[in-house]
Amino acid sequence: MKYHMMENKLSPSIYRAMRIACGLSPKSHEAAEIGLRNSLYTVSIENHETTIAMGRVIGDGGTACQVVDICVLPHLQGQGLGKEIMSHIMKFINTQLPSTCYVSLIADGNAKYLYEKFGFKDTMPDSTGMYLEIE
């Protein structure tokens, strides 16, 4: 498969479509615009001008950051595209963030095995991940 990496080029419409295609929760166009504009780093993989994988780093860029929105189109999973996205994210983390920055992520299902390959560890029992749904 011939593909190329795109850094900091995700559009709100592609971002929203990828989230839906990959089984992530939908986001409004307004939320996508704000989120992408405030991202520290975005990376996507394109194949013949079609986005097939993506990921982002969000946070303050100094003390705390989070890896989010890692997704690969379902029919292309298992081909190393998630690993490729994470490799680019790790390069950003290792070259652009202070060494004392706390970098976290939430791993869904078996994705934890991918993230472990990049040095991420379970926070339990030291801490527990939590979330708040705004209605």
C-alpha atoms as a PDB file:
ATOM      1  CA  MET A   1       0.000   0.000   0.000  1.00  0.00           C
ATOM      2  CA  LYS A   2       1.348   3.405  -0.935  1.00  0.00           C
ATOM      3  CA  TYR A   3       0.674   6.095   1.642  1.00  0.00           C
ATOM      4  CA  HIS A   4       2.126   9.304   3.007  1.00  0.00           C
ATOM      5  CA  MET A   5       2.153  11.037   6.372  1.00  0.00           C
ATOM      6  CA  MET A   6       0.549  14.416   6.919  1.00  0.00           C
ATOM      7  CA  GLU A   7       1.501  16.501   9.942  1.00  0.00           C
ATOM      8  CA  ASN A   8      -0.753  19.238  11.334  1.00  0.00           C
ATOM      9  CA  LYS A   9      -3.085  19.112   8.309  1.00  0.00           C
ATOM     10  CA  LEU A  10      -6.277  17.459   9.632  1.00  0.00           C
ATOM     11  CA  SER A  11      -9.456  19.267   8.643  1.00  0.00           C
ATOM     12  CA  PRO A  12     -12.548  19.252  10.874  1.00  0.00           C
ATOM     13  CA  SER A  13     -14.573  17.329   8.287  1.00  0.00           C
ATOM     14  CA  ILE A  14     -11.970  14.579   7.877  1.00  0.00           C
ATOM     15  CA  TYR A  15     -11.423  14.410  11.641  1.00  0.00           C
ATOM     16  CA  ARG A  16     -15.162  13.994  12.242  1.00  0.00           C
ATOM     17  CA  ALA A  17     -15.543  11.374   9.504  1.00  0.00           C
ATOM     18  CA  MET A  18     -12.574   9.361  10.786  1.00  0.00           C
ATOM     19  CA  ARG A  19     -13.966   9.325  14.337  1.00  0.00           C
ATOM     20  CA  ILE A  20     -17.265   7.911  13.095  1.00  0.00           C
ATOM     21  CA  ALA A  21     -15.631   5.399  10.726  1.00  0.00           C
ATOM     22  CA  CYS A  22     -13.388   4.124  13.534  1.00  0.00           C
ATOM     23  CA  GLY A  23     -16.184   3.780  16.087  1.00  0.00           C
ATOM     24  CA  LEU A  24     -15.272   6.795  18.216  1.00  0.00           C
ATOM     25  CA  SER A  25     -17.910   9.190  19.528  1.00  0.00           C
ATOM     26  CA  PRO A  26     -19.164  11.874  17.134  1.00  0.00           C
ATOM     27  CA  LYS A  27     -18.055  15.488  17.567  1.00  0.00           C
ATOM     28  CA  SER A  28     -19.744  18.635  16.289  1.00  0.00           C
ATOM     29  CA  HIS A  29     -18.082  20.686  13.572  1.00  0.00           C
ATOM     30  CA  GLU A  30     -17.553  23.486  16.107  1.00  0.00           C
ATOM     31  CA  ALA A  31     -15.896  21.127  18.596  1.00  0.00           C
ATOM     32  CA  ALA A  32     -13.646  19.696  15.863  1.00  0.00           C
ATOM     33  CA  GLU A  33     -12.550  23.166  14.720  1.00  0.00           C
ATOM     34  CA  ILE A  34     -11.690  24.247  18.272  1.00  0.00           C
ATOM     35  CA  GLY A  35      -9.991  20.959  19.138  1.00  0.00           C
ATOM     36  CA  LEU A  36      -7.845  20.825  16.022  1.00  0.00           C
ATOM     37  CA  ARG A  37      -6.867  24.495  16.304  1.00  0.00           C
ATOM     38  CA  ASN A  38      -5.711  23.892  19.889  1.00  0.00           C
ATOM     39  CA  SER A  39      -3.921  20.593  19.240  1.00  0.00           C
ATOM     40  CA  LEU A  40      -0.206  20.509  19.872  1.00  0.00           C
ATOM     41  CA  TYR A  41       0.334  17.999  17.075  1.00  0.00           C
ATOM     42  CA  THR A  42      -1.740  16.023  14.591  1.00  0.00           C
ATOM     43  CA  VAL A  43      -0.648  13.284  12.251  1.00  0.00           C
ATOM     44  CA  SER A  44      -2.569  11.357   9.639  1.00  0.00           C
ATOM     45  CA  ILE A  45      -1.875   8.791   6.980  1.00  0.00           C
ATOM     46  CA  GLU A  46      -3.303   9.220   3.509  1.00  0.00           C
ATOM     47  CA  ASN A  47      -3.656   6.660   0.750  1.00  0.00           C
ATOM     48  CA  HIS A  48      -4.555   8.181  -2.631  1.00  0.00           C
ATOM     49  CA  GLU A  49      -5.785  11.380  -0.914  1.00  0.00           C
ATOM     50  CA  THR A  50      -8.030   9.409   1.460  1.00  0.00           C
ATOM     51  CA  THR A  51      -7.264   9.616   5.171  1.00  0.00           C
ATOM     52  CA  ILE A  52      -6.945   6.116   6.611  1.00  0.00           C
ATOM     53  CA  ALA A  53      -5.417   6.736  10.067  1.00  0.00           C
ATOM     54  CA  MET A  54      -4.878   9.615  12.497  1.00  0.00           C
ATOM     55  CA  GLY A  55      -3.755  10.681  15.951  1.00  0.00           C
ATOM     56  CA  ARG A  56      -3.257  13.820  18.038  1.00  0.00           C
ATOM     57  CA  VAL A  57      -1.380  15.209  21.030  1.00  0.00           C
ATOM     58  CA  ILE A  58      -3.233  17.720  23.179  1.00  0.00           C
ATOM     59  CA  GLY A  59      -2.344  19.613  26.355  1.00  0.00           C
ATOM     60  CA  ASP A  60      -0.406  22.627  27.533  1.00  0.00           C
ATOM     61  CA  GLY A  61       2.854  21.606  25.869  1.00  0.00           C
ATOM     62  CA  GLY A  62       4.819  21.850  29.087  1.00  0.00           C
ATOM     63  CA  THR A  63       3.467  20.119  32.162  1.00  0.00           C
ATOM     64  CA  ALA A  64       0.773  17.764  30.870  1.00  0.00           C
ATOM     65  CA  CYS A  65      -0.188  16.293  27.508  1.00  0.00           C
ATOM     66  CA  GLN A  66      -2.390  13.480  26.297  1.00  0.00           C
ATOM     67  CA  VAL A  67      -2.273  11.225  23.248  1.00  0.00           C
ATOM     68  CA  VAL A  68      -5.792  11.063  21.782  1.00  0.00           C
ATOM     69  CA  ASP A  69      -7.813  10.081  18.719  1.00  0.00           C
ATOM     70  CA  ILE A  70      -5.557   7.252  17.589  1.00  0.00           C
ATOM     71  CA  CYS A  71      -7.601   5.451  14.971  1.00  0.00           C
ATOM     72  CA  VAL A  72      -7.196   3.381  11.834  1.00  0.00           C
ATOM     73  CA  LEU A  73     -10.041   2.542   9.461  1.00  0.00           C
ATOM     74  CA  PRO A  74     -11.352  -0.860  10.585  1.00  0.00           C
ATOM     75  CA  HIS A  75     -10.640  -2.705   7.328  1.00  0.00           C
ATOM     76  CA  LEU A  76      -6.985  -1.585   7.483  1.00  0.00           C
ATOM     77  CA  GLN A  77      -6.266  -2.423  11.122  1.00  0.00           C
ATOM     78  CA  GLY A  78      -3.504  -4.892  11.874  1.00  0.00           C
ATOM     79  CA  GLN A  79      -1.226  -3.601   9.107  1.00  0.00           C
ATOM     80  CA  GLY A  80       1.068  -1.453  11.237  1.00  0.00           C
ATOM     81  CA  LEU A  81      -0.650   1.894  10.572  1.00  0.00           C
ATOM     82  CA  GLY A  82      -1.385   2.532  14.265  1.00  0.00           C
ATOM     83  CA  LYS A  83       2.270   1.811  15.015  1.00  0.00           C
ATOM     84  CA  GLU A  84       3.290   4.286  12.302  1.00  0.00           C
ATOM     85  CA  ILE A  85       1.012   6.987  13.795  1.00  0.00           C
ATOM     86  CA  MET A  86       2.438   6.324  17.260  1.00  0.00           C
ATOM     87  CA  SER A  87       6.022   6.465  15.943  1.00  0.00           C
ATOM     88  CA  HIS A  88       5.411   9.995  14.662  1.00  0.00           C
ATOM     89  CA  ILE A  89       3.674  10.998  17.880  1.00  0.00           C
ATOM     90  CA  MET A  90       6.592   9.663  19.924  1.00  0.00           C
ATOM     91  CA  LYS A  91       9.042  11.626  17.794  1.00  0.00           C
ATOM     92  CA  PHE A  92       7.034  14.779  18.560  1.00  0.00           C
ATOM     93  CA  ILE A  93       6.908  13.924  22.283  1.00  0.00           C
ATOM     94  CA  ASN A  94      10.629  13.187  22.473  1.00  0.00           C
ATOM     95  CA  THR A  95      11.770  16.250  20.517  1.00  0.00           C
ATOM     96  CA  GLN A  96       9.193  18.956  21.291  1.00  0.00           C
ATOM     97  CA  LEU A  97       8.058  18.421  24.888  1.00  0.00           C
ATOM     98  CA  PRO A  98      10.061  19.034  28.084  1.00  0.00           C
ATOM     99  CA  SER A  99      11.359  15.842  29.687  1.00  0.00           C
ATOM    100  CA  THR A 100       9.235  16.542  32.780  1.00  0.00           C
ATOM    101  CA  CYS A 101       5.963  16.740  30.822  1.00  0.00           C
ATOM    102  CA  TYR A 102       3.441  14.137  32.025  1.00  0.00           C
ATOM    103  CA  VAL A 103       2.151  12.327  28.924  1.00  0.00           C
ATOM    104  CA  SER A 104      -0.927  10.157  29.333  1.00  0.00           C
ATOM    105  CA  LEU A 105      -3.515   8.331  27.245  1.00  0.00           C
ATOM    106  CA  ILE A 106      -6.616   6.203  27.638  1.00  0.00           C
ATOM    107  CA  ALA A 107      -6.218   2.794  26.005  1.00  0.00           C
ATOM    108  CA  ASP A 108      -9.394   1.162  24.703  1.00  0.00           C
ATOM    109  CA  GLY A 109      -9.472  -2.633  24.557  1.00  0.00           C
ATOM    110  CA  ASN A 110      -6.373  -4.286  23.146  1.00  0.00           C
ATOM    111  CA  ALA A 111      -4.839  -0.945  22.091  1.00  0.00           C
ATOM    112  CA  LYS A 112      -2.898  -1.079  25.361  1.00  0.00           C
ATOM    113  CA  TYR A 113      -0.562  -3.611  23.731  1.00  0.00           C
ATOM    114  CA  LEU A 114       0.340  -1.101  21.022  1.00  0.00           C
ATOM    115  CA  TYR A 115       0.978   1.666  23.556  1.00  0.00           C
ATOM    116  CA  GLU A 116       3.081  -0.612  25.764  1.00  0.00           C
ATOM    117  CA  LYS A 117       5.488  -1.014  22.830  1.00  0.00           C
ATOM    118  CA  PHE A 118       6.140   2.733  23.088  1.00  0.00           C
ATOM    119  CA  GLY A 119       6.766   2.690  26.850  1.00  0.00           C
ATOM    120  CA  PHE A 120       3.301   3.549  28.190  1.00  0.00           C
ATOM    121  CA  LYS A 121       2.383   1.780  31.436  1.00  0.00           C
ATOM    122  CA  ASP A 122      -0.811   1.153  33.365  1.00  0.00           C
ATOM    123  CA  THR A 123      -1.309   3.824  36.037  1.00  0.00           C
ATOM    124  CA  MET A 124      -3.000   1.404  38.443  1.00  0.00           C
ATOM    125  CA  PRO A 125      -2.743   1.147  41.403  1.00  0.00           C
ATOM    126  CA  ASP A 126      -1.131   4.580  41.742  1.00  0.00           C
ATOM    127  CA  SER A 127      -3.974   6.374  39.966  1.00  0.00           C
ATOM    128  CA  THR A 128      -7.259   5.766  38.195  1.00  0.00           C
ATOM    129  CA  GLY A 129      -8.432   7.321  34.940  1.00  0.00           C
ATOM    130  CA  MET A 130     -11.741   9.169  35.235  1.00  0.00           C
ATOM    131  CA  TYR A 131     -13.989  11.232  32.963  1.00  0.00           C
ATOM    132  CA  LEU A 132     -16.915  13.636  33.074  1.00  0.00           C
ATOM    133  CA  GLU A 133     -19.692  13.690  30.491  1.00  0.00           C
ATOM    134  CA  ILE A 134     -21.015  17.208  29.911  1.00  0.00           C
ATOM    135  CA  GLU A 135     -24.697  17.274  29.044  1.00  0.00           C
END
